Amino acid sequence: MSQILILDDEPAIIQSLRRLLRIAPCSYGNRIYDLQIEAFTSATAALARASHSPFDLFLTDYRMPEMDGVSFLKAVKAVQPDAGRLILSGYADLNGLLRAVNEVGIDRFIGKPWNDYELVAAIAQTLANRDLQLENRRLADLMRIDCGDLTPAEMEAQRLEAMEPGITRVSWGPDGSVMLEPEAHDSRAP
């Protein structure tokens, strides 16, 4: 199952995307992706969720009142660098597109209104590319272990961090106890 986070300040767009992704088959090659979608209208709430839950792909609007899509994806990339990143925009902003490519390394910039087939295909292709990159990294890590450049414990820590972002970053108290941060409340869109 592929976890997707959608961020748009317009609830109608979120509903449209949910409906499309629920009915349209998302496939690439011989692989069919089963999508689990979480949607947010608040960039702050979406960032809080992304800091505690792994996602395979982030799909965000470019222009939003709280934070633009590039800034959101830049913050997400720091937490989940392996996730796919797509931007939707109703504005033809060349500078924004260049910023998204250069700063965030987005996988695709999709115009609004989108073509349903092209959007679903872009999502499937991004997920397939992500799978390929992760498999290549796993194989390269196995080679690094064989060469002595990486320990199995370091490889396992990387795997755990990918599954549960932040799990390897532990804050220790002065008495050796683990310090827990208070959970942030999220405001998910309908």
N, C-alpha and C. Protein backbone atom coordinates (compact mmCIF):
# COMPACT_ATOMS: atom_id res chain seq x y z
N MET A 1 0.85 -1.17 0.00
CA MET A 1 0.00 0.00 0.00
C MET A 1 0.89 1.24 0.00
N SER A 2 0.58 2.19 -0.85
CA SER A 2 1.35 3.42 -0.97
C SER A 2 0.63 4.54 -0.23
N GLN A 3 1.36 5.19 0.66
CA GLN A 3 0.81 6.29 1.45
C GLN A 3 1.03 7.60 0.71
N ILE A 4 -0.06 8.36 0.50
CA ILE A 4 0.02 9.63 -0.19
C ILE A 4 -0.56 10.72 0.69
N LEU A 5 0.15 11.83 0.78
CA LEU A 5 -0.36 13.00 1.50
C LEU A 5 -0.70 14.06 0.46
N ILE A 6 -1.94 14.55 0.51
CA ILE A 6 -2.40 15.62 -0.37
C ILE A 6 -2.57 16.88 0.46
N LEU A 7 -2.03 17.99 -0.05
CA LEU A 7 -2.17 19.28 0.62
C LEU A 7 -2.70 20.30 -0.38
N ASP A 8 -3.85 20.86 -0.06
CA ASP A 8 -4.44 21.93 -0.88
C ASP A 8 -5.34 22.74 0.04
N ASP A 9 -5.32 24.06 -0.11
CA ASP A 9 -6.15 24.91 0.75
C ASP A 9 -7.62 24.90 0.33
N GLU A 10 -7.95 24.26 -0.78
CA GLU A 10 -9.33 24.20 -1.25
C GLU A 10 -9.90 22.79 -1.03
N PRO A 11 -10.85 22.65 -0.11
CA PRO A 11 -11.44 21.33 0.15
C PRO A 11 -12.05 20.68 -1.09
N ALA A 12 -12.58 21.47 -2.02
CA ALA A 12 -13.19 20.90 -3.24
C ALA A 12 -12.13 20.20 -4.10
N ILE A 13 -10.93 20.76 -4.15
CA ILE A 13 -9.84 20.13 -4.92
C ILE A 13 -9.46 18.81 -4.25
N ILE A 14 -9.37 18.82 -2.94
CA ILE A 14 -9.03 17.59 -2.21
C ILE A 14 -10.08 16.52 -2.49
N GLN A 15 -11.35 16.88 -2.44
CA GLN A 15 -12.42 15.90 -2.71
C GLN A 15 -12.31 15.36 -4.12
N SER A 16 -12.00 16.23 -5.07
CA SER A 16 -11.85 15.82 -6.46
C SER A 16 -10.70 14.82 -6.61
N LEU A 17 -9.58 15.13 -5.98
CA LEU A 17 -8.42 14.24 -6.06
C LEU A 17 -8.71 12.90 -5.38
N ARG A 18 -9.36 12.94 -4.22
CA ARG A 18 -9.73 11.69 -3.53
C ARG A 18 -10.61 10.82 -4.42
N ARG A 19 -11.62 11.45 -5.02
CA ARG A 19 -12.56 10.72 -5.87
C ARG A 19 -11.82 10.09 -7.06
N LEU A 20 -10.97 10.88 -7.72
CA LEU A 20 -10.21 10.38 -8.86
C LEU A 20 -9.32 9.20 -8.46
N LEU A 21 -8.58 9.36 -7.37
CA LEU A 21 -7.63 8.32 -6.97
C LEU A 21 -8.32 7.08 -6.40
N ARG A 22 -9.58 7.23 -6.00
CA ARG A 22 -10.34 6.08 -5.52
C ARG A 22 -10.85 5.23 -6.69
N ILE A 23 -11.20 5.88 -7.81
CA ILE A 23 -11.80 5.12 -8.91
C ILE A 23 -10.83 4.77 -10.04
N ALA A 24 -9.78 5.57 -10.22
CA ALA A 24 -8.85 5.33 -11.33
C ALA A 24 -7.75 4.36 -10.91
N PRO A 25 -7.49 3.34 -11.72
CA PRO A 25 -6.40 2.42 -11.38
C PRO A 25 -5.05 3.13 -11.52
N CYS A 26 -4.24 3.00 -10.52
CA CYS A 26 -2.92 3.64 -10.51
C CYS A 26 -1.90 2.54 -10.75
N SER A 27 -1.42 2.44 -11.99
CA SER A 27 -0.50 1.35 -12.32
C SER A 27 0.64 1.85 -13.19
N TYR A 28 1.75 1.15 -13.09
CA TYR A 28 2.92 1.44 -13.90
C TYR A 28 3.56 0.11 -14.24
N GLY A 29 3.72 -0.17 -15.53
CA GLY A 29 4.23 -1.48 -15.93
C GLY A 29 3.24 -2.54 -15.50
N ASN A 30 3.73 -3.54 -14.80
CA ASN A 30 2.84 -4.60 -14.31
C ASN A 30 2.47 -4.41 -12.85
N ARG A 31 2.82 -3.27 -12.27
CA ARG A 31 2.56 -3.01 -10.85
C ARG A 31 1.34 -2.13 -10.68
N ILE A 32 0.41 -2.56 -9.84
CA ILE A 32 -0.77 -1.76 -9.51
C ILE A 32 -0.58 -1.24 -8.09
N TYR A 33 -0.72 0.07 -7.91
CA TYR A 33 -0.52 0.69 -6.61
C TYR A 33 -1.86 0.88 -5.91
N ASP A 34 -1.93 0.35 -4.70
CA ASP A 34 -3.09 0.56 -3.83
C ASP A 34 -2.78 1.80 -3.00
N LEU A 35 -3.58 2.85 -3.15
CA LEU A 35 -3.27 4.13 -2.54
C LEU A 35 -4.05 4.35 -1.25
N GLN A 36 -3.33 4.76 -0.22
CA GLN A 36 -3.92 5.18 1.06
C GLN A 36 -3.68 6.69 1.13
N ILE A 37 -4.76 7.46 1.19
CA ILE A 37 -4.64 8.92 1.07
C ILE A 37 -4.98 9.61 2.38
N GLU A 38 -4.13 10.57 2.76
CA GLU A 38 -4.43 11.49 3.85
C GLU A 38 -4.38 12.89 3.24
N ALA A 39 -5.37 13.70 3.56
CA ALA A 39 -5.46 15.03 2.96
C ALA A 39 -5.52 16.11 4.04
N PHE A 40 -4.92 17.24 3.73
CA PHE A 40 -4.86 18.36 4.66
C PHE A 40 -5.11 19.67 3.93
N THR A 41 -5.73 20.61 4.62
CA THR A 41 -5.88 21.97 4.10
C THR A 41 -4.88 22.91 4.76
N SER A 42 -4.20 22.43 5.78
CA SER A 42 -3.22 23.23 6.51
C SER A 42 -1.81 22.65 6.33
N ALA A 43 -0.89 23.49 5.84
CA ALA A 43 0.49 23.05 5.65
C ALA A 43 1.14 22.69 6.99
N THR A 44 0.83 23.44 8.03
CA THR A 44 1.40 23.17 9.35
C THR A 44 0.98 21.80 9.86
N ALA A 45 -0.30 21.49 9.72
CA ALA A 45 -0.80 20.18 10.16
C ALA A 45 -0.21 19.07 9.30
N ALA A 46 -0.07 19.31 8.01
CA ALA A 46 0.51 18.30 7.12
C ALA A 46 1.97 18.05 7.47
N LEU A 47 2.72 19.11 7.78
CA LEU A 47 4.13 18.94 8.19
C LEU A 47 4.24 18.17 9.49
N ALA A 48 3.35 18.45 10.42
CA ALA A 48 3.36 17.73 11.70
C ALA A 48 3.12 16.24 11.45
N ARG A 49 2.17 15.93 10.58
CA ARG A 49 1.89 14.53 10.27
C ARG A 49 3.07 13.87 9.57
N ALA A 50 3.69 14.59 8.64
CA ALA A 50 4.83 14.04 7.89
C ALA A 50 6.04 13.80 8.78
N SER A 51 6.13 14.52 9.87
CA SER A 51 7.28 14.32 10.76
C SER A 51 7.14 13.07 11.61
N HIS A 52 5.93 12.48 11.63
CA HIS A 52 5.70 11.29 12.45
C HIS A 52 5.24 10.07 11.67
N SER A 53 4.84 10.25 10.43
CA SER A 53 4.32 9.13 9.63
C SER A 53 4.98 9.12 8.26
N PRO A 54 5.37 7.94 7.80
CA PRO A 54 6.02 7.87 6.49
C PRO A 54 5.01 7.97 5.34
N PHE A 55 5.42 8.66 4.30
CA PHE A 55 4.61 8.78 3.09
C PHE A 55 5.49 8.44 1.90
N ASP A 56 4.87 7.86 0.90
CA ASP A 56 5.58 7.52 -0.32
C ASP A 56 5.58 8.68 -1.31
N LEU A 57 4.55 9.54 -1.20
CA LEU A 57 4.41 10.63 -2.15
C LEU A 57 3.66 11.79 -1.51
N PHE A 58 4.10 12.99 -1.84
CA PHE A 58 3.44 14.22 -1.41
C PHE A 58 2.94 14.95 -2.65
N LEU A 59 1.66 15.31 -2.65
CA LEU A 59 1.03 16.04 -3.75
C LEU A 59 0.47 17.33 -3.15
N THR A 60 1.02 18.47 -3.59
CA THR A 60 0.62 19.73 -2.98
C THR A 60 0.30 20.79 -4.01
N ASP A 61 -0.56 21.71 -3.61
CA ASP A 61 -0.86 22.88 -4.41
C ASP A 61 0.36 23.80 -4.35
N TYR A 62 0.53 24.61 -5.37
CA TYR A 62 1.66 25.54 -5.38
C TYR A 62 1.38 26.78 -4.54
N ARG A 63 0.21 27.39 -4.76
CA ARG A 63 -0.11 28.63 -4.05
C ARG A 63 -1.13 28.36 -2.95
N MET A 64 -0.71 28.63 -1.72
CA MET A 64 -1.58 28.48 -0.56
C MET A 64 -1.30 29.64 0.38
N PRO A 65 -2.26 30.01 1.21
CA PRO A 65 -2.08 31.19 2.07
C PRO A 65 -1.04 30.99 3.18
N GLU A 66 -0.98 29.82 3.75
CA GLU A 66 -0.12 29.57 4.90
C GLU A 66 1.35 29.39 4.51
N MET A 67 1.58 28.67 3.42
CA MET A 67 2.93 28.34 2.97
C MET A 67 2.82 27.87 1.53
N ASP A 68 3.73 28.29 0.66
CA ASP A 68 3.62 27.81 -0.72
C ASP A 68 4.09 26.37 -0.83
N GLY A 69 3.73 25.73 -1.94
CA GLY A 69 4.03 24.31 -2.13
C GLY A 69 5.52 23.99 -2.12
N VAL A 70 6.33 24.88 -2.66
CA VAL A 70 7.78 24.64 -2.69
C VAL A 70 8.34 24.65 -1.28
N SER A 71 7.94 25.61 -0.47
CA SER A 71 8.42 25.68 0.93
C SER A 71 7.97 24.44 1.70
N PHE A 72 6.73 24.01 1.47
CA PHE A 72 6.23 22.81 2.13
C PHE A 72 7.06 21.60 1.73
N LEU A 73 7.28 21.42 0.43
CA LEU A 73 8.04 20.25 -0.03
C LEU A 73 9.50 20.30 0.41
N LYS A 74 10.04 21.49 0.55
CA LYS A 74 11.42 21.63 1.03
C LYS A 74 11.50 21.15 2.48
N ALA A 75 10.52 21.53 3.30
CA ALA A 75 10.49 21.08 4.70
C ALA A 75 10.25 19.57 4.77
N VAL A 76 9.40 19.05 3.92
CA VAL A 76 9.11 17.61 3.89
C VAL A 76 10.34 16.82 3.45
N LYS A 77 11.07 17.36 2.48
CA LYS A 77 12.26 16.68 1.96
C LYS A 77 13.30 16.49 3.06
N ALA A 78 13.38 17.44 3.99
CA ALA A 78 14.33 17.32 5.10
C ALA A 78 13.97 16.15 6.02
N VAL A 79 12.67 15.85 6.13
CA VAL A 79 12.20 14.78 7.00
C VAL A 79 12.11 13.44 6.26
N GLN A 80 11.62 13.48 5.02
CA GLN A 80 11.42 12.27 4.22
C GLN A 80 12.01 12.47 2.82
N PRO A 81 13.34 12.37 2.72
CA PRO A 81 14.00 12.67 1.44
C PRO A 81 13.68 11.69 0.32
N ASP A 82 13.21 10.50 0.63
CA ASP A 82 12.95 9.50 -0.39
C ASP A 82 11.54 9.54 -0.97
N ALA A 83 10.68 10.35 -0.40
CA ALA A 83 9.29 10.43 -0.88
C ALA A 83 9.22 11.17 -2.21
N GLY A 84 8.27 10.77 -3.05
CA GLY A 84 8.02 11.47 -4.29
C GLY A 84 7.36 12.81 -4.00
N ARG A 85 7.58 13.78 -4.88
CA ARG A 85 7.06 15.12 -4.67
C ARG A 85 6.45 15.66 -5.96
N LEU A 86 5.16 15.98 -5.91
CA LEU A 86 4.45 16.55 -7.06
C LEU A 86 3.80 17.86 -6.65
N ILE A 87 3.74 18.81 -7.59
CA ILE A 87 3.09 20.09 -7.34
C ILE A 87 1.98 20.29 -8.38
N LEU A 88 0.82 20.71 -7.90
CA LEU A 88 -0.30 21.12 -8.74
C LEU A 88 -0.36 22.64 -8.74
N SER A 89 -0.61 23.24 -9.90
CA SER A 89 -0.72 24.69 -9.92
C SER A 89 -1.64 25.15 -11.03
N GLY A 90 -2.44 26.13 -10.73
CA GLY A 90 -3.29 26.76 -11.72
C GLY A 90 -2.61 27.98 -12.33
N TYR A 91 -1.39 28.25 -11.90
CA TYR A 91 -0.66 29.43 -12.36
C TYR A 91 0.57 29.00 -13.14
N ALA A 92 0.81 29.62 -14.25
CA ALA A 92 2.00 29.33 -15.05
C ALA A 92 3.12 30.24 -14.55
N ASP A 93 3.78 29.85 -13.50
CA ASP A 93 4.83 30.64 -12.87
C ASP A 93 6.17 29.96 -13.12
N LEU A 94 6.91 30.44 -14.13
CA LEU A 94 8.17 29.83 -14.50
C LEU A 94 9.18 29.89 -13.36
N ASN A 95 9.23 31.01 -12.64
CA ASN A 95 10.16 31.13 -11.51
C ASN A 95 9.82 30.12 -10.42
N GLY A 96 8.54 29.94 -10.16
CA GLY A 96 8.11 28.96 -9.16
C GLY A 96 8.48 27.55 -9.59
N LEU A 97 8.31 27.26 -10.87
CA LEU A 97 8.67 25.94 -11.39
C LEU A 97 10.17 25.70 -11.25
N LEU A 98 10.95 26.68 -11.63
CA LEU A 98 12.41 26.54 -11.50
C LEU A 98 12.83 26.36 -10.05
N ARG A 99 12.21 27.12 -9.16
CA ARG A 99 12.51 26.99 -7.73
C ARG A 99 12.15 25.59 -7.24
N ALA A 100 11.00 25.08 -7.68
CA ALA A 100 10.57 23.74 -7.26
C ALA A 100 11.54 22.67 -7.73
N VAL A 101 12.02 22.81 -8.95
CA VAL A 101 12.96 21.83 -9.49
C VAL A 101 14.32 21.95 -8.79
N ASN A 102 14.82 23.16 -8.68
CA ASN A 102 16.16 23.37 -8.14
C ASN A 102 16.27 23.15 -6.63
N GLU A 103 15.29 23.62 -5.87
CA GLU A 103 15.38 23.53 -4.41
C GLU A 103 14.85 22.22 -3.86
N VAL A 104 13.85 21.66 -4.50
CA VAL A 104 13.16 20.52 -3.92
C VAL A 104 13.34 19.25 -4.74
N GLY A 105 13.66 19.38 -6.00
CA GLY A 105 13.79 18.20 -6.84
C GLY A 105 12.45 17.51 -7.05
N ILE A 106 11.44 18.31 -7.41
CA ILE A 106 10.12 17.71 -7.61
C ILE A 106 10.17 16.72 -8.76
N ASP A 107 9.26 15.76 -8.71
CA ASP A 107 9.18 14.77 -9.77
C ASP A 107 8.34 15.27 -10.94
N ARG A 108 7.34 16.09 -10.65
CA ARG A 108 6.45 16.57 -11.71
C ARG A 108 5.75 17.84 -11.26
N PHE A 109 5.53 18.75 -12.19
CA PHE A 109 4.75 19.97 -11.99
C PHE A 109 3.53 19.81 -12.88
N ILE A 110 2.34 19.74 -12.31
CA ILE A 110 1.11 19.45 -13.05
C ILE A 110 0.19 20.66 -12.99
N GLY A 111 -0.30 21.06 -14.13
CA GLY A 111 -1.18 22.22 -14.21
C GLY A 111 -2.62 21.90 -13.83
N LYS A 112 -3.28 22.93 -13.27
CA LYS A 112 -4.71 22.84 -12.99
C LYS A 112 -5.42 23.61 -14.10
N PRO A 113 -6.50 23.13 -14.62
CA PRO A 113 -7.10 21.84 -14.32
C PRO A 113 -6.26 20.72 -14.93
N TRP A 114 -6.18 19.63 -14.23
CA TRP A 114 -5.33 18.53 -14.67
C TRP A 114 -6.12 17.57 -15.55
N ASN A 115 -5.38 16.83 -16.33
CA ASN A 115 -5.93 15.72 -17.10
C ASN A 115 -5.88 14.51 -16.18
N ASP A 116 -7.02 13.87 -15.93
CA ASP A 116 -7.08 12.76 -14.97
C ASP A 116 -6.07 11.67 -15.29
N TYR A 117 -6.01 11.27 -16.55
CA TYR A 117 -5.09 10.19 -16.94
C TYR A 117 -3.64 10.59 -16.68
N GLU A 118 -3.28 11.81 -17.06
CA GLU A 118 -1.90 12.27 -16.87
C GLU A 118 -1.53 12.36 -15.39
N LEU A 119 -2.46 12.81 -14.55
CA LEU A 119 -2.19 12.91 -13.12
C LEU A 119 -1.98 11.53 -12.50
N VAL A 120 -2.87 10.60 -12.80
CA VAL A 120 -2.74 9.25 -12.25
C VAL A 120 -1.46 8.59 -12.78
N ALA A 121 -1.15 8.80 -14.05
CA ALA A 121 0.08 8.25 -14.62
C ALA A 121 1.32 8.85 -13.96
N ALA A 122 1.28 10.16 -13.67
CA ALA A 122 2.41 10.81 -13.01
C ALA A 122 2.61 10.26 -11.60
N ILE A 123 1.52 10.01 -10.90
CA ILE A 123 1.61 9.44 -9.55
C ILE A 123 2.20 8.04 -9.63
N ALA A 124 1.69 7.22 -10.54
CA ALA A 124 2.20 5.85 -10.68
C ALA A 124 3.67 5.84 -11.07
N GLN A 125 4.06 6.71 -12.00
CA GLN A 125 5.45 6.76 -12.43
C GLN A 125 6.36 7.22 -11.29
N THR A 126 5.91 8.18 -10.52
CA THR A 126 6.70 8.66 -9.38
C THR A 126 6.87 7.56 -8.34
N LEU A 127 5.81 6.82 -8.06
CA LEU A 127 5.91 5.71 -7.10
C LEU A 127 6.83 4.62 -7.63
N ALA A 128 6.76 4.32 -8.93
CA ALA A 128 7.64 3.31 -9.52
C ALA A 128 9.10 3.75 -9.45
N ASN A 129 9.37 5.02 -9.75
CA ASN A 129 10.74 5.55 -9.67
C ASN A 129 11.26 5.48 -8.23
N ARG A 130 10.40 5.80 -7.29
CA ARG A 130 10.78 5.72 -5.87
C ARG A 130 11.14 4.29 -5.49
N ASP A 131 10.32 3.33 -5.90
CA ASP A 131 10.61 1.92 -5.61
C ASP A 131 11.96 1.51 -6.18
N LEU A 132 12.23 1.94 -7.41
CA LEU A 132 13.50 1.60 -8.06
C LEU A 132 14.69 2.23 -7.32
N GLN A 133 14.55 3.48 -6.91
CA GLN A 133 15.63 4.14 -6.17
C GLN A 133 15.90 3.45 -4.83
N LEU A 134 14.84 3.07 -4.14
CA LEU A 134 15.01 2.40 -2.85
C LEU A 134 15.66 1.04 -3.02
N GLU A 135 15.28 0.31 -4.06
CA GLU A 135 15.90 -1.00 -4.32
C GLU A 135 17.37 -0.83 -4.69
N ASN A 136 17.68 0.17 -5.50
CA ASN A 136 19.08 0.43 -5.85
C ASN A 136 19.90 0.77 -4.61
N ARG A 137 19.33 1.57 -3.71
CA ARG A 137 20.04 1.93 -2.48
C ARG A 137 20.26 0.70 -1.60
N ARG A 138 19.24 -0.15 -1.52
CA ARG A 138 19.37 -1.37 -0.71
C ARG A 138 20.49 -2.25 -1.25
N LEU A 139 20.54 -2.42 -2.55
CA LEU A 139 21.60 -3.24 -3.16
C LEU A 139 22.98 -2.60 -2.96
N ALA A 140 23.05 -1.28 -3.11
CA ALA A 140 24.32 -0.58 -2.89
C ALA A 140 24.76 -0.71 -1.43
N ASP A 141 23.80 -0.63 -0.50
CA ASP A 141 24.14 -0.80 0.92
C ASP A 141 24.65 -2.20 1.21
N LEU A 142 24.09 -3.20 0.57
CA LEU A 142 24.59 -4.57 0.75
C LEU A 142 26.03 -4.68 0.26
N MET A 143 26.33 -4.00 -0.84
CA MET A 143 27.71 -3.99 -1.33
C MET A 143 28.63 -3.25 -0.36
N ARG A 144 28.13 -2.14 0.23
CA ARG A 144 28.94 -1.41 1.21
C ARG A 144 29.20 -2.25 2.45
N ILE A 145 28.25 -3.07 2.84
CA ILE A 145 28.45 -3.98 3.97
C ILE A 145 29.53 -4.99 3.62
N ASP A 146 29.44 -5.55 2.42
CA ASP A 146 30.46 -6.52 1.99
C ASP A 146 31.85 -5.91 1.94
N CYS A 147 31.92 -4.61 1.58
CA CYS A 147 33.22 -3.93 1.50
C CYS A 147 33.67 -3.39 2.86
N GLY A 148 32.81 -3.44 3.87
CA GLY A 148 33.15 -2.94 5.19
C GLY A 148 32.93 -1.45 5.37
N ASP A 149 32.28 -0.79 4.41
CA ASP A 149 32.02 0.64 4.50
C ASP A 149 30.76 0.97 5.28
N LEU A 150 29.94 -0.02 5.56
CA LEU A 150 28.68 0.15 6.26
C LEU A 150 28.46 -1.05 7.16
N THR A 151 27.96 -0.81 8.36
CA THR A 151 27.68 -1.93 9.25
C THR A 151 26.21 -2.33 9.11
N PRO A 152 25.88 -3.56 9.42
CA PRO A 152 24.46 -3.97 9.39
C PRO A 152 23.59 -3.11 10.31
N ALA A 153 24.15 -2.65 11.44
CA ALA A 153 23.39 -1.81 12.36
C ALA A 153 23.06 -0.46 11.71
N GLU A 154 23.99 0.12 10.97
CA GLU A 154 23.73 1.38 10.27
C GLU A 154 22.67 1.19 9.18
N MET A 155 22.73 0.08 8.49
CA MET A 155 21.74 -0.20 7.46
C MET A 155 20.36 -0.37 8.08
N GLU A 156 20.30 -1.04 9.22
CA GLU A 156 19.01 -1.23 9.91
C GLU A 156 18.47 0.10 10.42
N ALA A 157 19.34 0.97 10.91
CA ALA A 157 18.91 2.29 11.37
C ALA A 157 18.32 3.10 10.20
N GLN A 158 18.93 3.00 9.03
CA GLN A 158 18.40 3.68 7.84
C GLN A 158 17.03 3.13 7.48
N ARG A 159 16.87 1.82 7.54
CA ARG A 159 15.59 1.18 7.21
C ARG A 159 14.51 1.63 8.19
N LEU A 160 14.83 1.64 9.48
CA LEU A 160 13.86 2.05 10.50
C LEU A 160 13.48 3.52 10.34
N GLU A 161 14.45 4.36 10.03
CA GLU A 161 14.17 5.79 9.84
C GLU A 161 13.24 6.00 8.65
N ALA A 162 13.41 5.20 7.60
CA ALA A 162 12.52 5.31 6.43
C ALA A 162 11.10 4.86 6.77
N MET A 163 10.98 3.86 7.63
CA MET A 163 9.66 3.35 8.01
C MET A 163 8.95 4.28 8.99
N GLU A 164 9.69 4.82 9.94
CA GLU A 164 9.14 5.68 10.99
C GLU A 164 10.04 6.91 11.14
N PRO A 165 9.76 7.98 10.39
CA PRO A 165 10.62 9.16 10.46
C PRO A 165 10.80 9.67 11.89
N GLY A 166 12.06 9.91 12.24
CA GLY A 166 12.36 10.45 13.56
C GLY A 166 12.67 9.40 14.60
N ILE A 167 12.48 8.12 14.28
CA ILE A 167 12.66 7.07 15.30
C ILE A 167 14.11 6.95 15.77
N THR A 168 15.05 7.32 14.91
CA THR A 168 16.45 7.21 15.31
C THR A 168 16.97 8.48 15.97
N ARG A 169 16.15 9.52 16.00
CA ARG A 169 16.56 10.76 16.67
C ARG A 169 15.89 10.79 18.04
N VAL A 170 16.64 10.44 19.04
CA VAL A 170 16.12 10.33 20.39
C VAL A 170 16.71 11.44 21.25
N SER A 171 15.85 12.10 22.02
CA SER A 171 16.32 13.11 22.98
C SER A 171 16.42 12.45 24.35
N TRP A 172 17.60 12.50 24.92
CA TRP A 172 17.85 11.87 26.22
C TRP A 172 17.82 12.91 27.32
N GLY A 173 17.21 12.58 28.43
CA GLY A 173 17.19 13.43 29.61
C GLY A 173 18.49 13.30 30.38
N PRO A 174 18.72 14.19 31.33
CA PRO A 174 19.98 14.14 32.11
C PRO A 174 20.12 12.86 32.93
N ASP A 175 18.98 12.23 33.26
CA ASP A 175 19.04 10.99 34.04
C ASP A 175 19.04 9.74 33.16
N GLY A 176 19.16 9.92 31.82
CA GLY A 176 19.19 8.78 30.91
C GLY A 176 17.82 8.38 30.39
N SER A 177 16.78 9.11 30.79
CA SER A 177 15.43 8.78 30.30
C SER A 177 15.23 9.37 28.90
N VAL A 178 14.26 8.83 28.19
CA VAL A 178 13.92 9.32 26.86
C VAL A 178 12.93 10.46 27.02
N MET A 179 13.21 11.60 26.38
CA MET A 179 12.34 12.77 26.44
C MET A 179 11.37 12.71 25.26
N LEU A 180 10.08 12.79 25.56
CA LEU A 180 9.05 12.74 24.53
C LEU A 180 8.53 14.13 24.25
N GLU A 181 8.31 14.44 22.97
CA GLU A 181 7.73 15.72 22.59
C GLU A 181 6.22 15.57 22.60
N PRO A 182 5.51 16.63 22.96
CA PRO A 182 4.04 16.53 22.93
C PRO A 182 3.57 16.36 21.48
N GLU A 183 2.53 15.53 21.31
CA GLU A 183 1.98 15.27 19.98
C GLU A 183 1.30 16.53 19.45
N ALA A 184 1.52 16.82 18.18
CA ALA A 184 0.85 17.96 17.53
C ALA A 184 -0.52 17.49 17.05
N HIS A 185 -1.49 18.38 17.16
CA HIS A 185 -2.84 18.05 16.67
C HIS A 185 -2.89 18.32 15.17
N ASP A 186 -3.48 17.42 14.42
CA ASP A 186 -3.62 17.66 13.00
C ASP A 186 -5.07 17.99 12.65
N SER A 187 -5.22 18.81 11.64
CA SER A 187 -6.56 19.16 11.19
C SER A 187 -6.71 18.66 9.77
N ARG A 188 -7.23 17.48 9.62
CA ARG A 188 -7.38 16.87 8.29
C ARG A 188 -8.62 17.41 7.61
N ALA A 189 -8.49 17.51 6.34
CA ALA A 189 -9.62 17.96 5.54
C ALA A 189 -10.60 16.82 5.38
N PRO A 190 -11.85 17.13 5.10
CA PRO A 190 -12.85 16.07 4.93
C PRO A 190 -12.53 15.14 3.80
